[in-house]
N, C-alpha and C. Protein backbone atom coordinates (compact mmCIF):
# COMPACT_ATOMS: atom_id res chain seq x y z
N MET A 1 0.48 -1.17 -0.07
CA MET A 1 0.16 0.15 0.00
C MET A 1 0.64 1.32 -0.40
N SER A 2 0.79 2.07 -1.13
CA SER A 2 1.71 3.07 -1.20
C SER A 2 0.32 4.74 -1.16
N ALA A 3 1.12 5.62 -0.19
CA ALA A 3 -0.12 6.86 -0.12
C ALA A 3 0.45 7.68 -1.03
N PRO A 4 -0.95 8.06 -1.74
CA PRO A 4 -1.40 9.08 -2.00
C PRO A 4 -0.62 9.93 -2.32
N ASN A 5 -0.55 11.35 -2.89
CA ASN A 5 -0.02 13.36 -2.61
C ASN A 5 -0.90 14.00 -2.13
N LYS A 6 -2.23 13.64 -2.28
CA LYS A 6 -3.16 13.76 -1.85
C LYS A 6 -3.71 13.81 -0.32
N GLU A 7 -3.43 15.41 0.50
CA GLU A 7 -4.03 15.23 1.47
C GLU A 7 -5.64 16.22 2.20
N TRP A 8 -6.02 15.15 2.93
CA TRP A 8 -7.18 15.66 3.44
C TRP A 8 -7.44 15.36 5.24
N LEU A 9 -7.42 16.86 5.93
CA LEU A 9 -7.59 17.23 7.09
C LEU A 9 -8.64 16.77 7.73
N VAL A 10 -9.40 15.61 8.32
CA VAL A 10 -10.30 15.98 8.76
C VAL A 10 -10.86 15.27 9.91
N GLN A 11 -12.43 16.38 10.49
CA GLN A 11 -12.74 16.19 11.75
C GLN A 11 -14.00 15.46 11.67
N ILE A 12 -13.54 14.34 12.90
CA ILE A 12 -14.94 13.60 13.09
C ILE A 12 -15.17 13.88 14.52
N PRO A 13 -16.88 14.44 14.66
CA PRO A 13 -17.70 14.32 15.99
C PRO A 13 -17.70 13.26 16.50
N ASP A 14 -17.92 13.47 17.45
CA ASP A 14 -18.27 12.19 18.48
C ASP A 14 -19.70 12.54 18.81
N LYS A 15 -20.69 10.43 18.35
CA LYS A 15 -21.86 10.61 18.60
C LYS A 15 -21.94 10.73 20.27
N PRO A 16 -22.81 11.42 20.50
CA PRO A 16 -23.16 12.01 22.20
C PRO A 16 -23.06 11.04 22.90
N ASN A 17 -22.80 10.82 24.20
CA ASN A 17 -22.38 9.78 24.75
C ASN A 17 -21.32 8.70 24.38
N ALA A 18 -20.61 9.30 23.77
CA ALA A 18 -19.58 8.02 23.22
C ALA A 18 -18.50 7.37 23.90
N LEU A 19 -18.46 7.95 24.55
CA LEU A 19 -16.92 7.42 25.50
C LEU A 19 -16.51 6.57 25.34
N GLN A 20 -17.76 4.95 26.27
CA GLN A 20 -17.69 3.76 26.02
C GLN A 20 -17.34 3.32 24.95
N HIS A 21 -18.78 3.48 23.80
CA HIS A 21 -17.87 3.26 22.53
C HIS A 21 -15.93 3.18 22.09
N ARG A 22 -16.53 4.62 22.21
CA ARG A 22 -14.44 5.07 22.01
C ARG A 22 -13.79 4.06 22.91
N LEU A 23 -13.87 3.69 24.01
CA LEU A 23 -13.19 3.18 24.65
C LEU A 23 -13.36 1.60 24.41
N ASP A 24 -14.36 1.05 24.04
CA ASP A 24 -14.03 -0.41 23.36
C ASP A 24 -13.72 -0.77 22.21
N ALA A 25 -13.60 0.40 21.62
CA ALA A 25 -13.23 0.14 20.08
C ALA A 25 -11.96 0.99 19.85
N ARG A 26 -11.13 1.10 20.99
CA ARG A 26 -10.06 1.73 20.91
C ARG A 26 -8.67 0.64 20.65
N PRO A 27 -8.87 -0.40 20.89
CA PRO A 27 -8.06 -1.05 20.65
C PRO A 27 -7.95 -1.90 19.13
N ALA A 28 -9.38 -2.22 18.23
CA ALA A 28 -9.15 -2.95 17.09
C ALA A 28 -9.06 -1.55 16.51
N HIS A 29 -9.59 0.42 16.27
CA HIS A 29 -9.32 1.25 15.90
C HIS A 29 -7.42 1.51 15.48
N LEU A 30 -6.78 1.18 16.57
CA LEU A 30 -5.17 1.68 16.50
C LEU A 30 -4.75 0.24 15.18
N LYS A 31 -5.33 -1.01 15.84
CA LYS A 31 -4.49 -1.64 15.09
C LYS A 31 -4.69 -1.91 13.72
N ASN A 32 -5.90 -1.48 13.13
CA ASN A 32 -6.27 -1.78 11.48
C ASN A 32 -6.27 -0.17 11.54
N LEU A 33 -5.34 0.76 11.83
CA LEU A 33 -4.92 1.82 11.38
C LEU A 33 -3.60 1.23 10.93
N THR A 34 -2.93 0.55 11.95
CA THR A 34 -1.12 0.48 11.53
C THR A 34 -0.53 0.24 10.16
N PRO A 35 -1.49 -0.79 9.57
CA PRO A 35 -0.72 -0.44 8.34
C PRO A 35 -0.96 0.27 7.96
N ARG A 36 -1.66 1.01 7.69
CA ARG A 36 -2.72 2.80 7.06
C ARG A 36 -1.21 3.80 7.39
N ILE A 37 -0.75 3.45 8.42
CA ILE A 37 0.50 4.71 9.62
C ILE A 37 1.49 4.46 8.70
N GLU A 38 1.81 2.39 8.96
CA GLU A 38 3.27 1.98 8.52
C GLU A 38 2.92 2.86 6.70
N ALA A 39 2.16 2.94 5.87
CA ALA A 39 2.51 3.09 4.51
C ALA A 39 2.16 4.72 4.37
N GLY A 40 2.09 5.60 5.65
CA GLY A 40 2.04 6.87 5.15
C GLY A 40 1.18 7.40 5.17
N GLN A 41 -0.07 6.41 5.16
CA GLN A 41 -1.85 6.76 4.62
C GLN A 41 -2.43 8.23 5.71
N VAL A 42 -2.11 7.67 6.77
CA VAL A 42 -2.43 8.33 7.85
C VAL A 42 -1.00 8.81 8.27
N VAL A 43 -1.30 10.20 8.03
CA VAL A 43 0.36 10.71 8.38
C VAL A 43 0.44 11.89 10.04
N PHE A 44 -0.94 11.41 10.61
CA PHE A 44 -1.42 11.62 12.25
C PHE A 44 -3.22 11.56 12.26
N GLY A 45 -3.23 11.60 13.68
CA GLY A 45 -4.25 11.65 14.09
C GLY A 45 -4.12 11.53 15.99
N GLY A 46 -5.94 11.71 16.05
CA GLY A 46 -5.59 12.16 17.87
C GLY A 46 -7.21 12.37 17.77
N ALA A 47 -7.51 12.14 19.31
CA ALA A 47 -8.60 12.44 19.91
C ALA A 47 -8.62 14.52 20.29
N MET A 48 -9.84 15.04 19.48
CA MET A 48 -9.76 16.10 20.15
C MET A 48 -11.34 16.21 21.36
N LEU A 49 -10.36 17.29 22.26
CA LEU A 49 -10.91 17.45 23.29
C LEU A 49 -11.61 19.06 23.90
N SER A 50 -12.67 19.01 24.67
CA SER A 50 -13.69 19.59 25.19
C SER A 50 -12.43 20.62 25.46
N LYS A 51 -11.63 20.21 26.64
CA LYS A 51 -10.89 21.34 27.56
C LYS A 51 -9.86 20.50 27.45
N GLN A 52 -8.09 21.12 27.53
CA GLN A 52 -7.27 20.44 28.17
C GLN A 52 -7.71 19.94 29.62
N PRO A 53 -7.38 18.60 29.65
CA PRO A 53 -7.56 18.13 31.23
C PRO A 53 -6.25 18.65 31.94
N VAL A 54 -7.28 18.86 33.69
CA VAL A 54 -5.80 19.17 34.50
C VAL A 54 -4.98 17.30 34.88
N GLU A 55 -4.14 17.54 35.74
CA GLU A 55 -3.66 16.72 36.22
C GLU A 55 -4.37 15.99 37.28
N GLY A 56 -4.31 14.88 36.33
CA GLY A 56 -5.23 14.18 37.60
C GLY A 56 -6.48 13.67 36.60
N GLU A 57 -6.97 14.28 35.91
CA GLU A 57 -8.24 14.65 35.11
C GLU A 57 -8.56 13.55 33.94
N SER A 58 -9.11 13.01 33.93
CA SER A 58 -9.46 12.14 32.24
C SER A 58 -9.37 13.25 31.39
N PRO A 59 -9.62 13.04 29.88
CA PRO A 59 -9.40 13.90 28.55
C PRO A 59 -10.88 13.37 28.63
N ASP A 60 -11.42 14.63 28.78
CA ASP A 60 -12.81 14.77 28.27
C ASP A 60 -13.01 14.61 26.55
N MET A 61 -13.06 13.24 25.60
CA MET A 61 -12.66 13.13 24.40
C MET A 61 -14.15 13.45 23.56
N VAL A 62 -14.42 14.59 22.55
CA VAL A 62 -15.58 14.67 21.31
C VAL A 62 -15.28 14.45 20.43
N GLY A 63 -14.28 13.84 19.73
CA GLY A 63 -14.37 13.50 17.94
C GLY A 63 -12.70 13.41 17.82
N SER A 64 -12.35 13.31 16.73
CA SER A 64 -11.24 13.08 15.83
C SER A 64 -10.90 14.12 14.89
N VAL A 65 -9.00 14.37 15.12
CA VAL A 65 -8.89 14.50 13.73
C VAL A 65 -7.59 13.94 13.27
N MET A 66 -7.65 13.73 11.82
CA MET A 66 -6.47 13.37 11.42
C MET A 66 -6.04 13.46 9.52
N LEU A 67 -4.93 13.15 9.44
CA LEU A 67 -3.79 14.22 8.34
C LEU A 67 -4.36 12.39 7.04
N VAL A 68 -4.87 12.63 6.67
CA VAL A 68 -5.67 11.52 5.99
C VAL A 68 -4.71 11.72 4.17
N LYS A 69 -3.75 10.66 3.70
CA LYS A 69 -3.51 11.05 2.15
C LYS A 69 -4.40 9.88 1.45
N ALA A 70 -5.09 11.08 0.19
CA ALA A 70 -6.08 9.38 -0.27
C ALA A 70 -5.97 9.98 -1.62
N GLU A 71 -6.34 9.74 -2.51
CA GLU A 71 -6.91 10.28 -3.86
C GLU A 71 -8.20 11.00 -4.04
N SER A 72 -9.09 10.53 -3.22
CA SER A 72 -10.53 11.12 -3.38
C SER A 72 -10.71 11.20 -2.16
N GLU A 73 -11.50 12.27 -2.32
CA GLU A 73 -12.06 11.91 -0.77
C GLU A 73 -13.85 11.36 0.10
N GLU A 74 -14.49 10.06 -1.38
CA GLU A 74 -14.56 9.35 -1.44
C GLU A 74 -14.25 8.03 -1.31
N GLU A 75 -12.85 8.32 -1.23
CA GLU A 75 -11.89 7.04 -0.32
C GLU A 75 -11.67 7.29 0.55
N VAL A 76 -11.58 8.27 1.70
CA VAL A 76 -11.15 8.97 2.70
C VAL A 76 -12.60 8.59 3.60
N LYS A 77 -13.84 8.71 3.14
CA LYS A 77 -15.04 8.24 3.36
C LYS A 77 -15.43 6.83 3.80
N GLU A 78 -14.87 5.95 2.56
CA GLU A 78 -13.95 4.52 2.91
C GLU A 78 -14.23 4.39 4.45
N LEU A 79 -12.59 4.87 4.69
CA LEU A 79 -11.67 4.35 5.70
C LEU A 79 -12.66 5.15 6.36
N LEU A 80 -13.24 6.19 7.03
CA LEU A 80 -13.81 6.49 8.12
C LEU A 80 -15.06 5.42 7.79
N LYS A 81 -15.98 5.20 7.24
CA LYS A 81 -17.34 4.02 7.16
C LYS A 81 -16.81 3.31 7.78
N ASN A 82 -15.44 2.69 7.61
CA ASN A 82 -15.16 1.72 7.91
C ASN A 82 -13.90 1.05 9.11
N ASP A 83 -14.29 2.20 9.64
CA ASP A 83 -13.25 1.71 11.03
C ASP A 83 -14.23 1.35 12.37
N GLU A 84 -13.51 1.18 12.83
CA GLU A 84 -14.07 0.50 14.23
C GLU A 84 -14.59 1.44 14.73
N TYR A 85 -13.96 3.02 15.11
CA TYR A 85 -15.11 4.09 15.53
C TYR A 85 -16.45 4.05 15.67
N THR A 86 -16.57 3.51 14.15
CA THR A 86 -17.35 3.96 13.37
C THR A 86 -18.29 2.83 13.54
N LYS A 87 -17.62 1.66 13.41
CA LYS A 87 -18.41 0.26 13.63
C LYS A 87 -19.50 0.07 14.56
N GLN A 88 -18.13 0.73 15.76
CA GLN A 88 -18.92 0.69 17.20
C GLN A 88 -19.78 1.77 17.89
N GLY A 89 -20.09 2.59 16.91
CA GLY A 89 -20.98 3.74 17.96
C GLY A 89 -20.79 5.21 18.05
N ALA A 90 -19.14 5.16 18.19
CA ALA A 90 -18.39 6.03 18.76
C ALA A 90 -19.10 7.91 17.67
N TRP A 91 -18.01 7.59 16.37
CA TRP A 91 -18.06 8.34 15.60
C TRP A 91 -19.08 9.08 14.99
N ASP A 92 -19.86 10.04 14.73
CA ASP A 92 -20.44 10.55 13.53
C ASP A 92 -20.15 10.96 12.54
N VAL A 93 -19.54 9.56 11.82
CA VAL A 93 -19.67 10.68 10.23
C VAL A 93 -20.13 11.26 9.38
N GLU A 94 -21.81 10.90 9.93
CA GLU A 94 -22.28 12.11 8.85
C GLU A 94 -22.57 13.54 8.83
N ASN A 95 -21.50 13.50 10.62
CA ASN A 95 -21.57 15.53 10.51
C ASN A 95 -19.93 15.66 10.34
N ALA A 96 -18.77 14.23 9.80
CA ALA A 96 -17.11 15.06 9.73
C ALA A 96 -16.83 15.60 8.81
N LYS A 97 -16.16 16.37 8.77
CA LYS A 97 -15.39 17.41 7.72
C LYS A 97 -14.57 16.90 7.37
N ILE A 98 -14.06 16.98 5.38
CA ILE A 98 -12.84 16.28 5.09
C ILE A 98 -12.47 17.78 4.27
N ILE A 99 -11.67 18.00 4.52
CA ILE A 99 -10.29 19.47 4.04
C ILE A 99 -10.34 18.91 3.17
N PRO A 100 -10.18 19.57 1.78
CA PRO A 100 -8.43 19.17 1.42
C PRO A 100 -7.41 20.15 1.93
N PHE A 101 -6.29 19.59 2.12
CA PHE A 101 -5.03 20.78 3.20
C PHE A 101 -4.12 20.18 2.15
N ARG A 102 -2.92 20.62 2.19
CA ARG A 102 -1.65 21.22 1.64
C ARG A 102 -0.40 21.86 2.86
N CYS A 103 -0.14 20.62 3.65
CA CYS A 103 0.90 21.10 4.62
C CYS A 103 2.45 21.27 4.12
N ALA A 104 2.08 22.86 5.09
CA ALA A 104 3.31 23.42 4.82
C ALA A 104 4.04 23.49 5.65
N VAL A 105 4.35 22.54 6.62
CA VAL A 105 5.28 22.74 7.97
C VAL A 105 4.56 21.15 8.47
N ARG A 106 5.68 21.06 8.48
CA ARG A 106 5.68 19.15 9.49
C ARG A 106 7.20 19.35 10.84
N THR A 107 6.90 18.72 12.18
CA THR A 107 7.67 18.77 12.79
C THR A 107 7.18 17.05 13.03
N ALA A 108 8.53 16.61 13.93
CA ALA A 108 8.10 15.24 14.94
C ALA A 108 8.17 15.79 16.06
N MET A 109 7.10 14.47 16.59
CA MET A 109 6.87 14.58 17.94
C MET A 109 8.00 14.63 18.42
């Protein structure tokens, strides 16, 4: 699997009260994304938070953001539709934003 050159910034809100669905789906979500990450198709991703947690507080996750390389918006939609977060009821893919994107700066973590 090689990564296309077109990039898409993707913002997916969680459905209401989806935290347990998200936590249950997380291991399969990460396992299934691993080949796409290794191939460079998923450049970065993570949880959106309602606010920065204070020390000792669990983060209040409200959705996800990711940078995806794909030939088309339809390809990105298929990726989202087939993700474990969608299958297990965490992501609200009907309200996802898929934005054409061109990164100007990247830094390592």
